[in-house]
Amino acid sequence: MNILPRSGSGSKRKSSTFRVFFTVILFVVVGLLFWKNYERSMDVILTSHMVTDETDTLSREQQDQLASFSRSMQDRFGFGVRIRVFEHFVAAPEPDSRVLFMGISPAYQEVAIVWPPVLKRALPQDFVQYLEEEHFEGYWQGEDWPRGLYQALHMLGEELLAIEQE
């Protein structure tokens, strides 16, 4: 028993138009959902590549904030920041023209910064020397090195903004 009567070819045409429209909308929605999932997956992958903590001292939120800082540096200045917290001694990689590497070993109170050559030449040498040799000295006591890391990155951002405005 048919509840809704069909009247001629007009209703068939409306029905097939509705099906085509519904199919197009469905493909668009599925495509958008796929794209959002892809973006989220890439963020997770890039975050884990930018910030590595062997000591499990940094919370997920802190790691996300550091990764966000790295992405903003990449977008604004053309280089990223890679942070690695070592359980033992720092093993610094070869210099990379697109990545500033900061290796930290809280257990051995050691910091190694590998600067992209262009960035190192652009920054004041006393600033570079201060970050490499003196900045973290006040933060090792009391496991306060994460605050020292945030402060170092903040200072780096300010220096770069000052250079950009010159």
C-alpha atoms as a PDB file:
ATOM      1  CA  MET A   1       0.000   0.000   0.000  1.00  0.00           C
ATOM      2  CA  ASN A   2       1.402   3.315  -1.058  1.00  0.00           C
ATOM      3  CA  ILE A   3       0.750   6.180   1.356  1.00  0.00           C
ATOM      4  CA  LEU A   4       2.076   8.971  -0.829  1.00  0.00           C
ATOM      5  CA  PRO A   5       0.689   8.793  -4.319  1.00  0.00           C
ATOM      6  CA  ARG A   6       3.089   9.354  -7.162  1.00  0.00           C
ATOM      7  CA  SER A   7       1.852  11.564  -9.887  1.00  0.00           C
ATOM      8  CA  GLY A   8       3.651  11.344 -13.171  1.00  0.00           C
ATOM      9  CA  SER A   9       7.264  11.959 -14.118  1.00  0.00           C
ATOM     10  CA  GLY A  10       7.534  15.249 -12.180  1.00  0.00           C
ATOM     11  CA  SER A  11       7.812  13.486  -8.849  1.00  0.00           C
ATOM     12  CA  LYS A  12      10.391  11.045 -10.250  1.00  0.00           C
ATOM     13  CA  ARG A  13      12.451  13.983 -11.425  1.00  0.00           C
ATOM     14  CA  LYS A  14      12.214  15.676  -8.007  1.00  0.00           C
ATOM     15  CA  SER A  15      13.147  12.432  -6.307  1.00  0.00           C
ATOM     16  CA  SER A  16      16.219  11.851  -8.484  1.00  0.00           C
ATOM     17  CA  THR A  17      17.295  15.504  -8.083  1.00  0.00           C
ATOM     18  CA  PHE A  18      16.964  15.132  -4.333  1.00  0.00           C
ATOM     19  CA  ARG A  19      19.068  11.934  -4.399  1.00  0.00           C
ATOM     20  CA  VAL A  20      21.808  13.597  -6.461  1.00  0.00           C
ATOM     21  CA  PHE A  21      21.789  16.648  -4.179  1.00  0.00           C
ATOM     22  CA  PHE A  22      21.895  14.422  -1.084  1.00  0.00           C
ATOM     23  CA  THR A  23      24.791  12.377  -2.538  1.00  0.00           C
ATOM     24  CA  VAL A  24      26.790  15.537  -3.309  1.00  0.00           C
ATOM     25  CA  ILE A  25      26.200  16.881   0.217  1.00  0.00           C
ATOM     26  CA  LEU A  26      27.223  13.519   1.679  1.00  0.00           C
ATOM     27  CA  PHE A  27      30.489  13.512  -0.297  1.00  0.00           C
ATOM     28  CA  VAL A  28      31.266  17.090   0.776  1.00  0.00           C
ATOM     29  CA  VAL A  29      30.636  16.308   4.466  1.00  0.00           C
ATOM     30  CA  VAL A  30      32.724  13.117   4.336  1.00  0.00           C
ATOM     31  CA  GLY A  31      35.513  15.042   2.574  1.00  0.00           C
ATOM     32  CA  LEU A  32      35.502  17.763   5.241  1.00  0.00           C
ATOM     33  CA  LEU A  33      35.561  15.205   8.039  1.00  0.00           C
ATOM     34  CA  PHE A  34      38.443  13.399   6.362  1.00  0.00           C
ATOM     35  CA  TRP A  35      40.352  16.681   5.979  1.00  0.00           C
ATOM     36  CA  LYS A  36      39.840  17.632   9.642  1.00  0.00           C
ATOM     37  CA  ASN A  37      41.025  14.192  10.754  1.00  0.00           C
ATOM     38  CA  TYR A  38      44.085  14.553   8.522  1.00  0.00           C
ATOM     39  CA  GLU A  39      44.923  17.977  10.027  1.00  0.00           C
ATOM     40  CA  ARG A  40      44.549  16.646  13.573  1.00  0.00           C
ATOM     41  CA  SER A  41      46.728  13.627  12.791  1.00  0.00           C
ATOM     42  CA  MET A  42      49.420  15.832  11.258  1.00  0.00           C
ATOM     43  CA  ASP A  43      49.374  18.112  14.308  1.00  0.00           C
ATOM     44  CA  VAL A  44      49.924  15.106  16.576  1.00  0.00           C
ATOM     45  CA  ILE A  45      52.770  13.840  14.402  1.00  0.00           C
ATOM     46  CA  LEU A  46      54.443  17.247  14.137  1.00  0.00           C
ATOM     47  CA  THR A  47      54.055  17.920  17.863  1.00  0.00           C
ATOM     48  CA  SER A  48      55.746  14.654  18.732  1.00  0.00           C
ATOM     49  CA  HIS A  49      58.540  15.520  16.291  1.00  0.00           C
ATOM     50  CA  MET A  50      59.030  19.056  17.647  1.00  0.00           C
ATOM     51  CA  VAL A  51      59.015  18.241  21.360  1.00  0.00           C
ATOM     52  CA  THR A  52      60.471  15.047  22.794  1.00  0.00           C
ATOM     53  CA  ASP A  53      60.697  14.491  26.540  1.00  0.00           C
ATOM     54  CA  GLU A  54      62.517  11.333  27.633  1.00  0.00           C
ATOM     55  CA  THR A  55      62.068  12.276  31.296  1.00  0.00           C
ATOM     56  CA  ASP A  56      58.274  12.704  31.105  1.00  0.00           C
ATOM     57  CA  THR A  57      58.596  15.963  33.019  1.00  0.00           C
ATOM     58  CA  LEU A  58      56.667  18.134  30.571  1.00  0.00           C
ATOM     59  CA  SER A  59      52.912  17.711  30.563  1.00  0.00           C
ATOM     60  CA  ARG A  60      51.000  17.195  27.323  1.00  0.00           C
ATOM     61  CA  GLU A  61      49.765  20.786  27.580  1.00  0.00           C
ATOM     62  CA  GLN A  62      53.319  22.108  27.948  1.00  0.00           C
ATOM     63  CA  GLN A  63      54.452  20.049  24.964  1.00  0.00           C
ATOM     64  CA  ASP A  64      51.551  21.405  22.916  1.00  0.00           C
ATOM     65  CA  GLN A  65      52.453  24.981  23.888  1.00  0.00           C
ATOM     66  CA  LEU A  66      56.080  24.440  22.882  1.00  0.00           C
ATOM     67  CA  ALA A  67      54.986  22.890  19.581  1.00  0.00           C
ATOM     68  CA  SER A  68      52.675  25.849  18.994  1.00  0.00           C
ATOM     69  CA  PHE A  69      55.603  28.213  19.589  1.00  0.00           C
ATOM     70  CA  SER A  70      57.650  26.238  17.065  1.00  0.00           C
ATOM     71  CA  ARG A  71      54.880  26.422  14.472  1.00  0.00           C
ATOM     72  CA  SER A  72      54.527  30.177  14.973  1.00  0.00           C
ATOM     73  CA  MET A  73      58.287  30.626  14.533  1.00  0.00           C
ATOM     74  CA  GLN A  74      58.114  28.535  11.373  1.00  0.00           C
ATOM     75  CA  ASP A  75      55.234  30.591  10.008  1.00  0.00           C
ATOM     76  CA  ARG A  76      56.678  33.978  10.909  1.00  0.00           C
ATOM     77  CA  PHE A  77      60.451  33.588  10.574  1.00  0.00           C
ATOM     78  CA  GLY A  78      60.916  30.483   8.449  1.00  0.00           C
ATOM     79  CA  PHE A  79      62.544  28.199  10.997  1.00  0.00           C
ATOM     80  CA  GLY A  80      61.131  25.795  13.555  1.00  0.00           C
ATOM     81  CA  VAL A  81      62.229  25.003  17.074  1.00  0.00           C
ATOM     82  CA  ARG A  82      62.893  21.407  18.078  1.00  0.00           C
ATOM     83  CA  ILE A  83      63.153  20.684  21.791  1.00  0.00           C
ATOM     84  CA  ARG A  84      64.429  17.439  23.187  1.00  0.00           C
ATOM     85  CA  VAL A  85      64.726  16.668  26.900  1.00  0.00           C
ATOM     86  CA  PHE A  86      67.314  13.953  27.463  1.00  0.00           C
ATOM     87  CA  GLU A  87      67.388  11.512  30.331  1.00  0.00           C
ATOM     88  CA  HIS A  88      71.174  11.308  30.044  1.00  0.00           C
ATOM     89  CA  PHE A  89      73.722  13.498  28.250  1.00  0.00           C
ATOM     90  CA  VAL A  90      72.621  15.714  25.371  1.00  0.00           C
ATOM     91  CA  ALA A  91      73.313  14.408  21.883  1.00  0.00           C
ATOM     92  CA  ALA A  92      73.122  17.380  19.542  1.00  0.00           C
ATOM     93  CA  PRO A  93      72.323  16.844  15.859  1.00  0.00           C
ATOM     94  CA  GLU A  94      74.087  18.430  12.908  1.00  0.00           C
ATOM     95  CA  PRO A  95      73.069  22.048  12.204  1.00  0.00           C
ATOM     96  CA  ASP A  96      69.965  22.445  10.071  1.00  0.00           C
ATOM     97  CA  SER A  97      69.254  25.681   8.229  1.00  0.00           C
ATOM     98  CA  ARG A  98      65.544  25.459   9.093  1.00  0.00           C
ATOM     99  CA  VAL A  99      65.539  24.195  12.693  1.00  0.00           C
ATOM    100  CA  LEU A 100      66.775  25.579  15.997  1.00  0.00           C
ATOM    101  CA  PHE A 101      67.559  22.600  18.231  1.00  0.00           C
ATOM    102  CA  MET A 102      67.504  22.892  22.031  1.00  0.00           C
ATOM    103  CA  GLY A 103      68.674  19.818  23.884  1.00  0.00           C
ATOM    104  CA  ILE A 104      68.291  19.794  27.665  1.00  0.00           C
ATOM    105  CA  SER A 105      69.538  17.281  30.200  1.00  0.00           C
ATOM    106  CA  PRO A 106      68.196  18.174  33.649  1.00  0.00           C
ATOM    107  CA  ALA A 107      70.006  15.242  35.290  1.00  0.00           C
ATOM    108  CA  TYR A 108      73.385  16.556  34.112  1.00  0.00           C
ATOM    109  CA  GLN A 109      72.382  20.237  34.054  1.00  0.00           C
ATOM    110  CA  GLU A 110      73.364  20.514  30.430  1.00  0.00           C
ATOM    111  CA  VAL A 111      71.943  22.543  27.551  1.00  0.00           C
ATOM    112  CA  ALA A 112      73.002  22.378  23.921  1.00  0.00           C
ATOM    113  CA  ILE A 113      71.633  24.780  21.336  1.00  0.00           C
ATOM    114  CA  VAL A 114      72.277  24.159  17.653  1.00  0.00           C
ATOM    115  CA  TRP A 115      71.467  27.334  15.762  1.00  0.00           C
ATOM    116  CA  PRO A 116      70.574  27.632  12.102  1.00  0.00           C
ATOM    117  CA  PRO A 117      73.599  29.506  10.690  1.00  0.00           C
ATOM    118  CA  VAL A 118      71.561  32.455   9.383  1.00  0.00           C
ATOM    119  CA  LEU A 119      69.767  32.876  12.694  1.00  0.00           C
ATOM    120  CA  LYS A 120      72.987  32.741  14.689  1.00  0.00           C
ATOM    121  CA  ARG A 121      74.498  35.485  12.529  1.00  0.00           C
ATOM    122  CA  ALA A 122      71.345  37.625  12.833  1.00  0.00           C
ATOM    123  CA  LEU A 123      71.156  37.525  16.635  1.00  0.00           C
ATOM    124  CA  PRO A 124      73.468  39.560  18.867  1.00  0.00           C
ATOM    125  CA  GLN A 125      76.425  37.361  19.850  1.00  0.00           C
ATOM    126  CA  ASP A 126      76.112  38.275  23.537  1.00  0.00           C
ATOM    127  CA  PHE A 127      72.507  37.019  23.474  1.00  0.00           C
ATOM    128  CA  VAL A 128      73.524  33.738  21.811  1.00  0.00           C
ATOM    129  CA  GLN A 129      76.336  33.256  24.335  1.00  0.00           C
ATOM    130  CA  TYR A 130      74.028  34.067  27.256  1.00  0.00           C
ATOM    131  CA  LEU A 131      71.440  31.473  26.193  1.00  0.00           C
ATOM    132  CA  GLU A 132      74.062  28.808  25.574  1.00  0.00           C
ATOM    133  CA  GLU A 133      76.136  29.307  28.713  1.00  0.00           C
ATOM    134  CA  GLU A 134      74.382  31.272  31.435  1.00  0.00           C
ATOM    135  CA  HIS A 135      70.613  31.396  31.146  1.00  0.00           C
ATOM    136  CA  PHE A 136      69.744  27.980  32.590  1.00  0.00           C
ATOM    137  CA  GLU A 137      72.132  28.192  35.565  1.00  0.00           C
ATOM    138  CA  GLY A 138      69.479  29.775  37.776  1.00  0.00           C
ATOM    139  CA  TYR A 139      66.811  27.226  36.814  1.00  0.00           C
ATOM    140  CA  TRP A 140      68.481  23.900  37.603  1.00  0.00           C
ATOM    141  CA  GLN A 141      67.803  24.050  41.326  1.00  0.00           C
ATOM    142  CA  GLY A 142      64.371  22.869  42.329  1.00  0.00           C
ATOM    143  CA  GLU A 143      63.575  21.309  38.937  1.00  0.00           C
ATOM    144  CA  ASP A 144      62.589  24.720  37.578  1.00  0.00           C
ATOM    145  CA  TRP A 145      64.173  24.151  34.159  1.00  0.00           C
ATOM    146  CA  PRO A 146      60.810  24.107  32.279  1.00  0.00           C
ATOM    147  CA  ARG A 147      60.265  27.708  33.357  1.00  0.00           C
ATOM    148  CA  GLY A 148      63.814  28.473  32.190  1.00  0.00           C
ATOM    149  CA  LEU A 149      62.993  26.890  28.836  1.00  0.00           C
ATOM    150  CA  TYR A 150      59.853  29.002  28.457  1.00  0.00           C
ATOM    151  CA  GLN A 151      61.806  32.100  29.458  1.00  0.00           C
ATOM    152  CA  ALA A 152      64.578  31.332  26.945  1.00  0.00           C
ATOM    153  CA  LEU A 153      62.053  30.909  24.132  1.00  0.00           C
ATOM    154  CA  HIS A 154      60.265  34.094  25.161  1.00  0.00           C
ATOM    155  CA  MET A 155      63.556  36.003  25.069  1.00  0.00           C
ATOM    156  CA  LEU A 156      64.349  34.505  21.652  1.00  0.00           C
ATOM    157  CA  GLY A 157      60.965  35.619  20.347  1.00  0.00           C
ATOM    158  CA  GLU A 158      61.524  39.146  21.645  1.00  0.00           C
ATOM    159  CA  GLU A 159      64.969  39.339  20.034  1.00  0.00           C
ATOM    160  CA  LEU A 160      63.581  38.181  16.709  1.00  0.00           C
ATOM    161  CA  LEU A 161      60.728  40.684  16.857  1.00  0.00           C
ATOM    162  CA  ALA A 162      63.219  43.466  17.631  1.00  0.00           C
ATOM    163  CA  ILE A 163      65.340  42.436  14.633  1.00  0.00           C
ATOM    164  CA  GLU A 164      62.249  42.266  12.432  1.00  0.00           C
ATOM    165  CA  GLN A 165      61.232  45.816  13.413  1.00  0.00           C
ATOM    166  CA  GLU A 166      64.661  47.300  12.602  1.00  0.00           C
END
